[in-house]
Amino acid sequence: MKCIIELKHVGPRGHVQQLVEELTARLEDKLGHFAPEATSLHVAFEENGSHKVYRMSLACHVPGHMVAAHEEGREAGACIRKAFAEVERQLEKQKAIIRHERQLRRSRRAGRGEQFRASPVEAREPS
């Protein structure tokens, strides 16, 4: 997986870079079933010094789709974790679409719904 990490206006904070690298490695493990040359990740982390606000942007390209997340907050670690969690959630949803799992769930629900709708009608006696 091609990975670009940008840290803007971040002082000597090794823990920020370490956290980003750990979460990137975890995301890379989850993208293992895609071809490595077909996926890319762009990470941008920015600190606004005057207001102590942190901004995190992630863009992950997988075959046929792009997943993105943006977070802003006053705590660097929480902001980074939320953005990665959102990208992971969206990637799980995309994988379910590729595997057609959503359609399977819908068809099962529809089958159950028809069964429940039929029973009250049958219970009525014609007047």
Protein backbone atom coordinates (compact mmCIF):
# COMPACT_ATOMS: atom_id res chain seq x y z
CA MET A 1 0.00 0.00 0.00
CA LYS A 2 1.26 3.41 -0.91
CA CYS A 3 1.14 5.67 2.14
CA ILE A 4 1.74 9.43 2.36
CA ILE A 5 1.88 11.00 5.82
CA GLU A 6 1.95 14.79 6.20
CA LEU A 7 2.46 16.43 9.58
CA LYS A 8 1.98 20.20 9.36
CA HIS A 9 3.04 22.61 12.09
CA VAL A 10 3.53 19.75 14.53
CA GLY A 11 6.34 20.40 16.98
CA PRO A 12 8.59 17.72 18.41
CA ARG A 13 5.77 15.28 19.11
CA GLY A 14 6.98 11.79 18.46
CA HIS A 15 3.86 10.25 19.95
CA VAL A 16 1.70 11.77 17.20
CA GLN A 17 3.82 10.23 14.47
CA GLN A 18 4.02 6.92 16.34
CA LEU A 19 0.22 6.78 16.78
CA VAL A 20 -0.37 7.57 13.11
CA GLU A 21 2.08 4.85 12.06
CA GLU A 22 0.47 2.26 14.38
CA LEU A 23 -3.03 2.99 13.11
CA THR A 24 -1.78 3.01 9.51
CA ALA A 25 -0.26 -0.44 10.01
CA ARG A 26 -3.55 -1.70 11.48
CA LEU A 27 -5.47 -0.27 8.52
CA GLU A 28 -3.00 -1.87 6.14
CA ASP A 29 -3.68 -5.27 7.75
CA LYS A 30 -7.41 -4.79 7.20
CA LEU A 31 -6.80 -3.99 3.53
CA GLY A 32 -4.78 -7.18 3.03
CA HIS A 33 -7.24 -8.77 0.59
CA PHE A 34 -6.80 -5.88 -1.89
CA ALA A 35 -3.74 -5.80 -4.13
CA PRO A 36 -1.03 -3.66 -2.44
CA GLU A 37 -0.38 -1.63 -5.59
CA ALA A 38 -4.11 -0.87 -5.94
CA THR A 39 -4.53 0.82 -2.55
CA SER A 40 -3.20 4.10 -1.23
CA LEU A 41 -3.58 6.16 1.92
CA HIS A 42 -3.06 9.89 2.35
CA VAL A 43 -2.82 11.14 5.94
CA ALA A 44 -2.68 14.84 6.80
CA PHE A 45 -2.39 16.02 10.40
CA GLU A 46 -2.24 19.72 11.22
CA GLU A 47 -1.91 21.68 14.43
CA ASN A 48 -3.19 25.23 14.71
CA GLY A 49 -0.94 26.70 17.36
CA SER A 50 -2.91 29.83 18.19
CA HIS A 51 -6.14 27.97 19.02
CA LYS A 52 -4.68 24.56 19.94
CA VAL A 53 -6.96 22.81 17.47
CA TYR A 54 -5.90 19.66 15.65
CA ARG A 55 -7.17 18.62 12.22
CA MET A 56 -6.90 15.14 10.80
CA SER A 57 -7.73 14.19 7.22
CA LEU A 58 -7.59 10.71 5.76
CA ALA A 59 -8.21 9.58 2.21
CA CYS A 60 -8.00 5.90 1.36
CA HIS A 61 -8.25 4.73 -2.24
CA VAL A 62 -9.34 1.14 -2.83
CA PRO A 63 -10.24 -0.37 -6.21
CA GLY A 64 -13.44 1.29 -7.39
CA HIS A 65 -13.96 3.49 -4.34
CA MET A 66 -12.48 6.27 -2.23
CA VAL A 67 -13.05 6.53 1.51
CA ALA A 68 -12.38 9.77 3.39
CA ALA A 69 -12.68 11.12 6.92
CA HIS A 70 -12.03 14.50 8.53
CA GLU A 71 -11.86 15.21 12.25
CA GLU A 72 -11.13 18.29 14.27
CA GLY A 73 -10.63 18.54 18.01
CA ARG A 74 -8.62 19.83 20.93
CA GLU A 75 -6.92 16.52 21.73
CA ALA A 76 -4.50 15.13 19.17
CA GLY A 77 -4.84 11.43 20.04
CA ALA A 78 -8.63 11.45 20.13
CA CYS A 79 -8.80 13.29 16.82
CA ILE A 80 -6.48 10.78 15.13
CA ARG A 81 -8.29 7.74 16.53
CA LYS A 82 -11.74 9.03 15.51
CA ALA A 83 -10.62 9.67 11.93
CA PHE A 84 -9.09 6.20 11.59
CA ALA A 85 -12.18 4.60 13.17
CA GLU A 86 -14.41 6.35 10.63
CA VAL A 87 -12.26 5.15 7.72
CA GLU A 88 -12.31 1.59 9.09
CA ARG A 89 -16.11 1.73 9.43
CA GLN A 90 -16.50 2.94 5.85
CA LEU A 91 -14.10 0.27 4.57
CA GLU A 92 -16.08 -2.46 6.34
CA LYS A 93 -19.22 -1.14 4.69
CA GLN A 94 -17.48 -1.12 1.29
CA LYS A 95 -16.27 -4.70 1.79
CA ALA A 96 -19.83 -5.76 2.63
CA ILE A 97 -21.06 -4.15 -0.59
CA ILE A 98 -18.38 -5.95 -2.61
CA ARG A 99 -19.33 -9.28 -1.02
CA HIS A 100 -23.05 -8.55 -1.56
CA GLU A 101 -23.74 -9.06 2.15
CA ARG A 102 -26.19 -6.18 2.32
CA GLN A 103 -28.40 -7.71 -0.36
CA LEU A 104 -28.41 -11.05 1.47
CA ARG A 105 -29.55 -9.39 4.69
CA ARG A 106 -32.32 -7.52 2.89
CA SER A 107 -33.64 -10.62 1.18
CA ARG A 108 -33.75 -12.49 4.50
CA ARG A 109 -35.66 -9.63 6.12
CA ALA A 110 -38.09 -9.45 3.24
CA GLY A 111 -38.79 -13.15 3.57
CA ARG A 112 -39.50 -12.78 7.27
CA GLY A 113 -41.63 -9.69 6.73
CA GLU A 114 -43.87 -11.44 4.22
CA GLN A 115 -44.34 -14.31 6.65
CA PHE A 116 -45.40 -11.98 9.46
CA ARG A 117 -47.72 -9.99 7.21
CA ALA A 118 -49.53 -13.12 6.03
CA SER A 119 -50.38 -14.45 9.47
CA PRO A 120 -52.71 -11.64 10.70
CA VAL A 121 -54.66 -11.71 7.44
CA GLU A 122 -55.16 -15.46 7.72
CA ALA A 123 -56.29 -15.13 11.34
CA ARG A 124 -59.26 -12.92 10.37
CA GLU A 125 -62.51 -14.57 9.61
CA PRO A 126 -64.57 -13.21 6.76
CA SER A 127 -67.66 -11.35 7.94
